[in-house]
Amino acid sequence: MSEKPCPQCQKELVWQEGRYVCEACHQAYLHQADCPDCGKPLEKLNACGAASFFCNHCNELKSRSRAIRRFEAVSH
């Protein structure tokens, strides 16, 4: 897994209990993907070991490489 920096303090995030956690600033994050065309959240589809995305707003499949990735802060 590649290193993912905390959006707040840039320290490395750690994967714990289904989310990323920054041990330095004690913030938890979900890794989200947005549509590159409309900016709405994408739905992740897993099939046969491959992941792709579907945009419910555009009603289209979107390539994983085109998805706009972001971290969304969540409460512990």
C-alpha atoms as a PDB file:
ATOM      1  CA  MET A   1       0.000   0.000   0.000  1.00  0.00           C
ATOM      2  CA  SER A   2       1.389   3.400  -0.935  1.00  0.00           C
ATOM      3  CA  GLU A   3       2.013   6.061   1.656  1.00  0.00           C
ATOM      4  CA  LYS A   4      -0.938   8.415   2.178  1.00  0.00           C
ATOM      5  CA  PRO A   5      -0.305  11.762   3.910  1.00  0.00           C
ATOM      6  CA  CYS A   6      -2.718  13.286   6.414  1.00  0.00           C
ATOM      7  CA  PRO A   7      -4.524  16.303   4.880  1.00  0.00           C
ATOM      8  CA  GLN A   8      -3.987  18.243   8.134  1.00  0.00           C
ATOM      9  CA  CYS A   9      -0.405  17.545   9.230  1.00  0.00           C
ATOM     10  CA  GLN A  10       1.102  15.538   6.308  1.00  0.00           C
ATOM     11  CA  LYS A  11       2.130  12.614   8.574  1.00  0.00           C
ATOM     12  CA  GLU A  12       1.531   9.099   7.211  1.00  0.00           C
ATOM     13  CA  LEU A  13      -2.004   7.733   7.659  1.00  0.00           C
ATOM     14  CA  VAL A  14      -2.489   4.239   9.112  1.00  0.00           C
ATOM     15  CA  TRP A  15      -5.283   1.839   8.068  1.00  0.00           C
ATOM     16  CA  GLN A  16      -7.367   0.894  11.143  1.00  0.00           C
ATOM     17  CA  GLU A  17     -10.867  -0.568  11.434  1.00  0.00           C
ATOM     18  CA  GLY A  18     -12.012   0.294   7.911  1.00  0.00           C
ATOM     19  CA  ARG A  19     -10.644   3.838   7.735  1.00  0.00           C
ATOM     20  CA  TYR A  20      -7.413   5.789   7.677  1.00  0.00           C
ATOM     21  CA  VAL A  21      -6.247   7.317  10.957  1.00  0.00           C
ATOM     22  CA  CYS A  22      -3.607   9.955  11.649  1.00  0.00           C
ATOM     23  CA  GLU A  23      -1.833   9.002  14.859  1.00  0.00           C
ATOM     24  CA  ALA A  24      -0.276  12.483  15.112  1.00  0.00           C
ATOM     25  CA  CYS A  25      -3.462  14.614  15.036  1.00  0.00           C
ATOM     26  CA  HIS A  26      -5.924  11.819  16.008  1.00  0.00           C
ATOM     27  CA  GLN A  27      -8.234  12.346  13.020  1.00  0.00           C
ATOM     28  CA  ALA A  28      -9.950   9.542  11.080  1.00  0.00           C
ATOM     29  CA  TYR A  29     -10.623   9.704   7.318  1.00  0.00           C
ATOM     30  CA  LEU A  30     -12.538   7.804   4.664  1.00  0.00           C
ATOM     31  CA  HIS A  31     -10.927   7.644   1.221  1.00  0.00           C
ATOM     32  CA  GLN A  32     -13.599   8.890  -1.208  1.00  0.00           C
ATOM     33  CA  ALA A  33     -13.744   9.093  -4.997  1.00  0.00           C
ATOM     34  CA  ASP A  34     -15.580  11.787  -6.964  1.00  0.00           C
ATOM     35  CA  CYS A  35     -16.647  11.856 -10.614  1.00  0.00           C
ATOM     36  CA  PRO A  36     -14.161  13.715 -12.838  1.00  0.00           C
ATOM     37  CA  ASP A  37     -17.023  15.022 -14.998  1.00  0.00           C
ATOM     38  CA  CYS A  38     -19.713  16.186 -12.540  1.00  0.00           C
ATOM     39  CA  GLY A  39     -17.899  16.147  -9.164  1.00  0.00           C
ATOM     40  CA  LYS A  40     -20.507  13.950  -7.435  1.00  0.00           C
ATOM     41  CA  PRO A  41     -19.449  10.983  -5.231  1.00  0.00           C
ATOM     42  CA  LEU A  42     -18.823   7.735  -7.102  1.00  0.00           C
ATOM     43  CA  GLU A  43     -20.122   4.311  -6.118  1.00  0.00           C
ATOM     44  CA  LYS A  44     -17.358   1.689  -5.942  1.00  0.00           C
ATOM     45  CA  LEU A  45     -18.002  -1.574  -7.797  1.00  0.00           C
ATOM     46  CA  ASN A  46     -15.941  -4.694  -7.086  1.00  0.00           C
ATOM     47  CA  ALA A  47     -16.169  -7.611  -9.513  1.00  0.00           C
ATOM     48  CA  CYS A  48     -13.753 -10.470 -10.116  1.00  0.00           C
ATOM     49  CA  GLY A  49     -11.023  -8.750  -8.124  1.00  0.00           C
ATOM     50  CA  ALA A  50     -11.175  -5.519 -10.150  1.00  0.00           C
ATOM     51  CA  ALA A  51     -12.509  -2.219  -8.835  1.00  0.00           C
ATOM     52  CA  SER A  52     -14.284   0.356 -10.949  1.00  0.00           C
ATOM     53  CA  PHE A  53     -16.663   3.217 -10.254  1.00  0.00           C
ATOM     54  CA  PHE A  54     -20.178   4.193 -11.286  1.00  0.00           C
ATOM     55  CA  CYS A  55     -21.573   7.723 -11.280  1.00  0.00           C
ATOM     56  CA  ASN A  56     -25.274   7.733 -10.457  1.00  0.00           C
ATOM     57  CA  HIS A  57     -25.550  11.358 -11.641  1.00  0.00           C
ATOM     58  CA  CYS A  58     -23.958  10.781 -15.092  1.00  0.00           C
ATOM     59  CA  ASN A  59     -25.304   7.200 -15.227  1.00  0.00           C
ATOM     60  CA  GLU A  60     -21.911   5.953 -16.499  1.00  0.00           C
ATOM     61  CA  LEU A  61     -19.035   3.731 -15.476  1.00  0.00           C
ATOM     62  CA  LYS A  62     -15.907   5.735 -14.660  1.00  0.00           C
ATOM     63  CA  SER A  63     -12.335   4.557 -14.833  1.00  0.00           C
ATOM     64  CA  ARG A  64     -10.509   4.172 -11.532  1.00  0.00           C
ATOM     65  CA  SER A  65      -7.622   6.180 -12.970  1.00  0.00           C
ATOM     66  CA  ARG A  66      -9.907   9.165 -13.713  1.00  0.00           C
ATOM     67  CA  ALA A  67     -11.586   9.270 -10.286  1.00  0.00           C
ATOM     68  CA  ILE A  68     -10.776  12.307  -8.163  1.00  0.00           C
ATOM     69  CA  ARG A  69      -9.550  11.002  -4.792  1.00  0.00           C
ATOM     70  CA  ARG A  70     -10.025  12.848  -1.509  1.00  0.00           C
ATOM     71  CA  PHE A  71     -10.021  12.165   2.219  1.00  0.00           C
ATOM     72  CA  GLU A  72     -13.192  12.954   4.151  1.00  0.00           C
ATOM     73  CA  ALA A  73     -12.830  13.484   7.903  1.00  0.00           C
ATOM     74  CA  VAL A  74     -15.064  11.306  10.090  1.00  0.00           C
ATOM     75  CA  SER A  75     -15.608  11.208  13.833  1.00  0.00           C
ATOM     76  CA  HIS A  76     -14.046   8.349  15.783  1.00  0.00           C
END
